Protein backbone atom coordinates (compact mmCIF):
# COMPACT_ATOMS: atom_id res chain seq x y z
CA MET A 1 0.00 0.00 0.00
CA LEU A 2 2.78 2.42 0.86
CA ARG A 3 4.59 1.93 -2.43
CA ASN A 4 1.76 1.23 -4.83
CA LYS A 5 -1.10 3.35 -3.57
CA LEU A 6 0.71 6.23 -1.84
CA GLU A 7 3.79 6.13 -4.10
CA ALA A 8 6.19 6.09 -1.15
CA ILE A 9 9.90 5.93 -1.88
CA LEU A 10 11.51 2.68 -0.69
CA ASP A 11 14.94 2.59 0.92
CA SER A 12 15.59 -1.04 1.84
CA SER A 13 18.29 -2.47 4.01
CA LYS A 14 19.02 -5.98 5.24
CA ASP A 15 16.56 -6.09 8.16
CA HIS A 16 14.10 -3.30 7.47
CA ARG A 17 12.44 -1.31 4.73
CA PHE A 18 12.19 2.44 5.15
CA TYR A 19 9.50 4.31 3.27
CA GLU A 20 9.44 8.06 2.77
CA LEU A 21 6.21 9.59 1.67
CA TYR A 22 5.60 12.86 -0.08
CA ALA A 23 2.24 14.38 -0.96
CA GLU A 24 2.05 17.14 -3.52
CA GLY A 25 5.82 17.60 -3.29
CA GLN A 26 5.84 17.97 0.49
CA TRP A 27 7.49 15.49 2.86
CA VAL A 28 4.88 13.82 5.07
CA PHE A 29 6.62 10.99 6.93
CA ARG A 30 9.22 8.23 7.05
CA THR A 31 8.34 4.83 8.46
CA LYS A 32 10.15 1.55 9.03
CA VAL A 33 8.76 -1.88 8.19
CA SER A 34 10.57 -5.01 9.35
CA THR A 35 11.30 -7.74 6.84
CA GLY A 36 11.92 -10.43 9.46
CA GLY A 37 9.83 -13.61 9.43
CA LYS A 38 8.37 -12.74 12.83
CA TYR A 39 6.35 -9.83 11.36
CA LYS A 40 3.94 -11.38 8.86
CA SER A 41 1.02 -9.11 9.71
CA LEU A 42 0.46 -5.79 11.40
CA GLY A 43 -0.66 -5.98 14.99
CA ASP A 44 -2.76 -3.35 16.71
CA ASP A 45 0.34 -1.61 18.10
CA LEU A 46 1.94 -1.26 14.65
CA ILE A 47 -1.35 -0.15 13.10
CA ALA A 48 -1.61 2.57 15.75
CA LYS A 49 1.97 3.75 15.15
CA MET A 50 1.64 3.79 11.37
CA ALA A 51 -1.76 5.49 11.56
CA LYS A 52 -0.24 8.24 13.69
CA GLN A 53 2.58 8.69 11.16
CA CYS A 54 0.00 8.97 8.37
CA PHE A 55 -1.98 11.54 10.40
CA VAL A 56 -5.12 9.39 10.52
CA ASN A 57 -6.86 7.34 13.18
CA ASN A 58 -6.68 3.53 13.23
CA LYS A 59 -9.95 3.08 11.31
CA GLN A 60 -8.87 5.55 8.63
CA PHE A 61 -5.52 3.77 8.33
CA ILE A 62 -7.27 0.44 7.81
CA ASP A 63 -9.50 2.13 5.21
CA LEU A 64 -6.38 3.48 3.52
CA VAL A 65 -4.82 0.00 3.43
CA ASP A 66 -8.00 -1.83 2.39
CA CYS A 67 -8.84 0.83 -0.24
CA PRO A 68 -12.10 2.52 0.85
CA MET A 69 -9.92 5.64 1.30
CA SER A 70 -8.15 6.75 -1.88
CA LYS A 71 -4.85 8.60 -2.07
CA ALA A 72 -6.74 11.74 -3.13
CA GLN A 73 -8.98 11.47 -0.06
CA TRP A 74 -5.96 11.00 2.18
CA VAL A 75 -4.21 14.04 0.68
CA ALA A 76 -7.42 16.06 1.16
CA HIS A 77 -7.45 14.90 4.80
CA LEU A 78 -3.83 16.06 5.22
CA LYS A 79 -4.69 19.46 3.76
CA ALA A 80 -7.86 19.86 5.82
CA ASN A 81 -5.91 19.15 9.01
CA GLY A 82 -2.95 21.41 8.19
CA HIS A 83 -0.35 18.66 7.68
CA ILE A 84 0.41 19.91 4.17
CA VAL A 85 -0.46 23.16 2.41
C-alpha cells in the first residue's frame, strides 16, 4: 500500500524497509517496516503507530490500506488538518 497506492519511496536495508512519503511535493513521513519472518502481519500496536505517522486514526488507516480511502482522499485529509499546504 505504501509503495503502490501512496507512491512512497523505498529505501531497503538488510533487516528493514524504510518508506518516505511525499504528498504534492511535500514530505509527510518516514516509516520503518521489518522484513523479518516474525512480522507477517500488522498488529494493533503497529497499526496505531503507522496510523499516527499517516496523520489518521486507526480506522482511517485500515480504510487506507483496504482501499475505501483513496490517495486523493488521504491528501485532502492532510490538507484539511494542516499537515500539508
